[in-house]
Structures are given as C-alpha cells and as structure tokens.
Protein backbone atom coordinates (compact mmCIF):
# COMPACT_ATOMS: atom_id res chain seq x y z
CA MET A 1 84.84 143.32 40.33
CA THR A 2 86.99 146.01 41.93
CA THR A 3 87.72 149.35 40.31
CA THR A 4 90.07 152.24 41.03
CA THR A 5 87.67 154.79 39.57
CA ASN A 6 86.96 157.75 41.84
CA GLU A 7 83.42 157.57 43.23
CA THR A 8 82.74 161.12 41.98
CA THR A 9 83.57 160.18 38.38
CA PRO A 10 80.39 159.75 36.32
CA VAL A 11 79.73 156.30 34.92
CA LEU A 12 78.91 158.01 31.61
CA ASP A 13 80.14 161.41 30.51
CA ALA A 14 79.10 162.48 27.00
CA GLY A 15 80.51 165.86 26.08
CA GLY A 16 79.55 167.93 23.05
CA VAL A 17 78.29 164.94 21.09
CA THR A 18 77.36 165.94 17.56
CA MET A 19 76.35 163.61 14.73
CA ARG A 20 76.00 164.78 11.14
CA PHE A 21 74.89 162.78 8.14
CA GLY A 22 75.98 164.85 5.17
CA GLY A 23 74.15 168.15 5.53
CA LEU A 24 71.80 166.85 8.21
CA THR A 25 72.68 167.34 11.88
CA ALA A 26 70.83 164.64 13.82
CA VAL A 27 72.44 165.41 17.20
CA ARG A 28 73.95 168.76 18.08
CA ASP A 29 76.33 169.45 20.99
CA VAL A 30 74.61 167.21 23.54
CA ASN A 31 76.11 166.88 27.02
CA LEU A 32 74.87 164.19 29.38
CA THR A 33 76.19 162.45 32.47
CA VAL A 34 74.96 159.38 34.31
CA ASN A 35 76.24 158.78 37.83
CA ALA A 36 76.57 155.52 39.72
CA GLY A 37 73.25 154.30 41.08
CA GLU A 38 71.20 156.62 38.86
CA ILE A 39 68.36 155.98 36.46
CA VAL A 40 68.34 158.74 33.84
CA GLY A 41 65.61 159.17 31.24
CA LEU A 42 65.93 160.52 27.71
CA ILE A 43 62.70 161.79 26.17
CA GLY A 44 61.66 163.75 23.12
CA PRO A 45 59.28 163.61 20.16
CA ASN A 46 59.86 161.22 17.27
CA GLY A 47 62.87 162.26 15.22
CA ALA A 48 64.48 164.14 18.11
CA GLY A 49 67.74 162.18 17.79
CA LYS A 50 67.43 159.93 20.85
CA THR A 51 68.38 156.62 19.20
CA THR A 52 71.09 158.35 17.16
CA PHE A 53 72.55 159.61 20.44
CA PHE A 54 72.41 156.07 21.86
CA ASN A 55 74.24 154.81 18.77
CA CYS A 56 76.97 157.39 19.36
CA LEU A 57 77.33 156.24 22.97
CA THR A 58 77.65 152.57 22.04
CA GLY A 59 80.03 152.77 19.10
CA LEU A 60 77.54 152.06 16.31
CA TYR A 61 78.18 155.60 15.11
CA VAL A 62 81.40 157.59 15.41
CA PRO A 63 80.35 161.08 16.56
CA THR A 64 81.27 163.88 14.18
CA GLU A 65 82.30 165.90 17.23
CA GLY A 66 82.50 165.31 20.96
CA THR A 67 83.69 162.53 23.25
CA VAL A 68 82.09 159.70 25.19
CA ARG A 69 83.74 158.56 28.42
CA TYR A 70 82.96 155.57 30.58
CA LYS A 71 84.26 155.95 34.13
CA GLY A 72 86.69 158.60 32.92
CA THR A 73 88.09 156.68 29.94
CA VAL A 74 87.30 157.67 26.35
CA LEU A 75 85.47 154.83 24.64
CA PRO A 76 86.75 153.32 21.37
CA PRO A 77 84.19 153.62 18.55
CA LYS A 78 83.68 149.85 18.26
CA PRO A 79 80.49 148.24 19.65
CA HIS A 80 82.21 145.11 20.99
CA LEU A 81 84.88 147.21 22.71
CA VAL A 82 82.22 149.45 24.25
CA THR A 83 80.47 146.35 25.58
CA GLN A 84 83.77 145.01 26.86
CA ALA A 85 84.41 148.32 28.63
CA GLY A 86 81.13 148.01 30.54
CA ILE A 87 78.21 149.48 28.56
CA ALA A 88 75.41 147.21 27.32
CA ARG A 89 72.23 148.10 25.47
CA THR A 90 68.92 146.87 24.14
CA PHE A 91 67.27 148.05 20.93
CA GLN A 92 64.00 149.72 20.04
CA ASN A 93 63.19 146.77 17.79
CA ILE A 94 63.82 143.43 19.48
CA ARG A 95 66.99 141.78 18.16
CA LEU A 96 67.03 138.28 19.55
CA PHE A 97 68.35 135.16 17.85
CA ALA A 98 64.91 133.77 17.09
CA ASN A 99 65.98 130.19 16.34
CA MET A 100 68.19 129.86 19.40
CA THR A 101 66.94 128.93 22.84
CA VAL A 102 66.36 131.40 25.63
CA LEU A 103 69.48 130.11 27.40
CA GLU A 104 71.61 130.30 24.25
CA ASN A 105 70.58 133.92 23.70
CA VAL A 106 71.83 134.85 27.17
CA LEU A 107 75.04 132.87 26.66
CA VAL A 108 75.73 134.97 23.55
CA GLY A 109 75.89 137.99 25.85
CA ARG A 110 78.82 136.42 27.74
CA HIS A 111 81.18 136.60 24.75
CA THR A 112 83.04 139.67 26.01
CA ARG A 113 83.60 138.05 29.41
CA THR A 114 85.15 134.78 28.21
CA LYS A 115 88.76 134.43 27.06
CA GLU A 116 88.62 131.04 25.35
CA GLY A 117 89.30 131.14 21.63
CA LEU A 118 88.85 128.85 18.63
CA TRP A 119 91.47 126.26 19.57
CA SER A 120 90.22 126.06 23.13
CA ALA A 121 86.70 125.43 21.82
CA LEU A 122 87.90 122.76 19.39
CA LEU A 123 90.06 120.93 21.92
CA ARG A 124 87.52 121.36 24.74
CA GLY A 125 90.16 121.18 27.44
CA PRO A 126 89.64 121.69 31.18
CA GLY A 127 89.88 125.49 30.89
CA PHE A 128 87.18 125.62 28.24
CA LYS A 129 84.86 123.33 30.20
CA LYS A 130 85.31 125.39 33.35
CA ALA A 131 84.53 128.63 31.52
CA GLU A 132 81.54 127.03 29.80
CA ALA A 133 80.13 125.84 33.13
CA ALA A 134 80.62 129.30 34.67
CA SER A 135 78.83 130.96 31.76
CA HIS A 136 75.96 128.49 32.02
CA THR A 137 75.61 129.17 35.75
CA ARG A 138 75.63 132.94 35.22
CA ALA A 139 73.09 132.71 32.39
CA MET A 140 70.70 130.66 34.53
CA GLU A 141 71.08 133.18 37.38
CA LEU A 142 70.01 135.94 35.01
CA LEU A 143 67.07 133.94 33.70
CA GLU A 144 65.94 133.39 37.27
CA PHE A 145 66.38 137.11 37.92
CA ILE A 146 63.99 138.01 35.07
CA GLY A 147 61.65 135.11 35.75
CA LEU A 148 62.35 132.98 32.67
CA GLU A 149 64.37 130.12 34.17
CA ASP A 150 61.55 127.66 33.39
CA LYS A 151 61.71 128.64 29.70
CA ALA A 152 65.47 128.20 29.25
CA ASP A 153 65.02 125.52 26.58
CA HIS A 154 62.27 127.33 24.65
CA LEU A 155 63.06 128.94 21.31
CA ALA A 156 63.22 132.73 21.64
CA ARG A 157 60.72 133.17 18.81
CA ASN A 158 58.06 131.28 20.78
CA LEU A 159 58.15 133.64 23.78
CA PRO A 160 55.37 136.18 24.34
CA TYR A 161 56.31 139.74 23.42
CA GLY A 162 56.87 140.89 27.00
CA ASP A 163 59.14 137.92 27.72
CA GLN A 164 61.18 138.66 24.59
CA ARG A 165 61.78 142.16 25.92
CA LYS A 166 62.94 140.74 29.24
CA LEU A 167 65.19 138.22 27.49
CA GLU A 168 66.91 141.01 25.58
CA ILE A 169 67.60 142.74 28.90
CA ALA A 170 69.01 139.49 30.35
CA ARG A 171 71.32 139.11 27.36
CA ALA A 172 72.60 142.65 27.91
CA LEU A 173 73.14 141.96 31.60
CA ALA A 174 75.16 138.86 30.71
CA SER A 175 78.07 141.12 29.76
CA ASP A 176 78.24 142.34 33.39
CA PRO A 177 77.80 146.03 32.52
CA GLY A 178 78.21 149.02 34.79
CA LEU A 179 75.78 150.98 32.62
CA LEU A 180 72.70 149.63 30.82
CA LEU A 181 71.10 151.55 27.95
CA LEU A 182 67.47 150.70 27.26
CA ASP A 183 65.83 151.92 24.05
CA GLU A 184 62.05 152.02 24.57
CA PRO A 185 61.85 148.92 26.80
CA THR A 186 58.06 149.16 27.23
CA ALA A 187 57.15 149.80 23.58
CA GLY A 188 54.09 147.73 22.70
CA MET A 189 53.51 146.55 26.27
CA ASN A 190 50.25 146.54 28.17
CA PRO A 191 50.02 148.31 31.56
CA GLN A 192 50.75 145.15 33.55
CA GLU A 193 53.87 144.36 31.49
CA THR A 194 54.97 147.98 31.87
CA ARG A 195 54.75 147.76 35.67
CA VAL A 196 56.78 144.53 35.64
CA THR A 197 59.44 146.23 33.51
CA GLU A 198 59.55 149.19 35.90
CA GLN A 199 60.20 146.89 38.85
CA LEU A 200 62.83 145.01 36.84
CA ILE A 201 64.72 148.24 36.11
CA PHE A 202 64.61 149.22 39.79
CA ALA A 203 66.04 145.77 40.62
CA ILE A 204 68.82 146.27 38.06
CA ARG A 205 69.67 149.61 39.65
CA ASP A 206 69.76 147.90 43.04
CA MET A 207 72.38 145.50 41.63
CA GLY A 208 74.68 148.52 41.24
CA ILE A 209 74.09 149.08 37.52
CA ALA A 210 73.34 152.61 36.31
CA VAL A 211 70.58 152.90 33.70
CA LEU A 212 69.92 155.30 30.82
CA VAL A 213 66.51 154.77 29.24
CA ILE A 214 64.66 156.15 26.21
CA GLU A 215 60.89 156.00 26.53
CA HIS A 216 57.73 157.66 25.20
CA ASP A 217 55.52 156.57 28.09
CA MET A 218 55.72 159.69 30.23
CA ARG A 219 54.06 158.19 33.30
CA PHE A 220 56.59 155.36 33.20
CA ILE A 221 59.62 157.60 32.72
CA PHE A 222 58.70 160.15 35.39
CA ASN A 223 57.94 157.44 37.95
CA LEU A 224 61.19 155.65 37.16
CA CYS A 225 63.94 158.22 36.77
CA ASP A 226 66.09 160.33 39.07
CA ARG A 227 66.76 162.79 36.25
CA VAL A 228 65.28 163.33 32.80
CA ALA A 229 66.72 165.06 29.73
CA CYS A 230 64.57 166.14 26.79
CA LEU A 231 65.91 166.24 23.23
CA VAL A 232 64.19 168.29 20.55
CA GLN A 233 65.52 168.44 16.97
CA GLY A 234 68.82 166.94 18.09
CA GLU A 235 69.47 169.43 20.89
CA LYS A 236 69.01 169.09 24.64
CA LEU A 237 66.12 171.34 25.53
CA VAL A 238 66.05 170.84 29.30
CA GLU A 239 67.39 168.49 31.97
CA GLY A 240 66.39 168.07 35.60
CA THR A 241 64.29 166.14 38.05
CA PRO A 242 61.03 164.62 36.77
CA ASP A 243 59.03 167.37 38.51
CA VAL A 244 61.06 170.10 36.82
CA VAL A 245 60.96 168.56 33.34
CA GLN A 246 57.28 167.60 33.24
CA SER A 247 56.25 171.10 34.33
CA ASP A 248 58.49 172.85 31.78
CA GLU A 249 56.26 174.56 29.20
CA ARG A 250 58.90 174.07 26.48
CA VAL A 251 58.68 170.30 26.94
CA VAL A 252 54.88 170.41 26.76
CA ALA A 253 55.07 172.54 23.62
CA ALA A 254 57.59 170.18 22.00
CA TYR A 255 55.31 167.18 22.49
CA LEU A 256 52.23 169.08 21.32
CA GLY A 257 54.11 170.36 18.28
CA THR A 258 53.49 174.02 19.11
CA PRO A 259 56.15 176.66 19.70
CA PHE A 260 56.67 178.07 23.17
CA GLU A 261 57.54 181.79 23.21
CA ALA A 262 58.16 182.75 26.82
CA ASP A 263 59.14 186.35 26.05
CA THR A 264 56.34 187.12 23.59
CA PRO A 265 53.63 189.34 25.16
CA LYS A 266 50.06 188.07 24.95
CA LYS A 267 48.03 189.67 22.17
CA ALA A 268 45.26 191.93 23.44
CA THR A 269 41.69 191.00 22.63
CA ALA A 270 39.43 193.37 20.66
CA ALA A 271 37.63 194.37 23.88
CA GLU A 272 40.92 195.09 25.63
CA ARG A 273 42.09 197.24 22.70
CA THR A 274 38.82 199.23 22.78
CA THR A 275 39.07 199.80 26.54
CA SER A 276 42.68 200.92 26.16
CA THR A 277 41.79 203.38 23.41
CA GLU A 278 38.96 204.90 25.45
CA GLY A 279 41.30 205.28 28.43
CA GLU A 280 43.88 207.12 26.34
CA ALA A 281 41.18 209.43 24.94
CA GLN A 282 40.15 210.43 28.45
C-alpha cells in the first residue's frame, strides 16, 4: 500500500496525553513517538498507567488532554476507526473468540479491510465471493507466519496458552496495521515461549510494521527494543536506549519501590561525625 506520508513523520506521535478519572490522574502529560521500523518499549511498575495510555492511543479512552497522531493525522477517538487508520493492538488478558476456530478468529481481524456490507453478504454475489477468498488467503498466510496453519480448524479455546497469544497477534496483523501495540505479550509464558515471541516481534518489524510493547520482563524488553520509556505514577520518568534506561537509578528505584534522591547528600556515619568533630577541635 502506497502512502504520501513524509518518511520523517513518526508513525505514532502522542503529545501531552493526560487521562483523568474524576479526581484521579492516571496519565499525566505523556509524550511519546514511534518511528517507522522501530520497536519501542513501555515499562513501569504496576499501576503506572501503561495500559491506560494504550487505551488512549487506541480510542478506548478519549484523553482528557493531548492529541494522538498516526502518520501526522489526528486519530478519531473510536477503536474501529483507529484500527482502520492503521493501528492494531493485543490485550493484557487474551480476548479471543473461544468458540470460533483459529481461522475464523483471524478473519474477524479483516473486518476493517473489507467493503462488503449486509446485502452483499446475503446475496453472495461475485464481489463478495472474491473478497471472501482474498480474506481467507490472507488469513492463512498469517497463520503460516505464526506457525499455526495446521491448527486453522481448531477451536481457539483448545489452543495452548502460548499459541493463543500468537493467535491474538495474528488477528491484529489481519487488519494490515502500520503500528502494532502489544500489551504484555509474554505474560505467563515460559522462557522458550518468550524467545519464540521475541523472534516473532522481530519478524513483524522486518515486515515494515512498527511496534510499541508493554512488558514486565526486563530481559525481554531490553533485548528487543530500540528505545524504552518508563512510566511511574502516570508520568514519563525517562526515555532512551535500553542501556541508558536500565542503568538509570530512578528506574531501579521505581521498581524497588524506594525513592531516588540524587541531590541529597549522604548522611555521615557516627565514626565520620566523631572524626570531623576532632578535626575541627584541632
């Protein structure tokens, strides 16, 4: 698909995003960009506002303040319109259609890329059949991409946990996004499944799709991402390369639950105070 967007325009540009629920500010003045070909990580302790921020990006929430742009265009605050624009997402808790087949779940993700309506479906004319065949072909390509083509006819509820996670990613990819948002894609996975997911995300990036990912597995996120941003209490604490972020003492303190006071002088020990007093007396 061709685009007239300038190559320097970020795929995602979130500016001053703030989300309040009554008197509670869950996200405060967060700025974040994701460029083409990038994998960007979003980390932070539980309750930091990461999923709330995702919901603001994808139209589930209307930000109290701030704007969200996709390739330079302000996004409408409607989830289906955000998906249609080119942003797809997965959820922290798996949200598959459990009683539908693996193939049918992926086909659901094609709904924003098909133009046939109710009457076309009822009449089942040549245009509908052509679109249906194209969607089926694309869905099977995606199942092959994630390694589930041999389970296309299985019910989603019967898949192992790791395969359900991959199926949710395939359904998101079915909308042909330019940006994929992943909310804790390795939650509950064993180390082998985590490595498979890491390679899958690299492969998605190689397809030309930018990725923004929330994750608590620090080894995973720092191996995966080009840049990482850390949220604490709804505010962006720091952003930079993995090396910069993982060595930042404020990030370490946030995860350990202890304050970091860079400008506070170290308290002298009793021995140091005694030595100092004797020196002054002399």
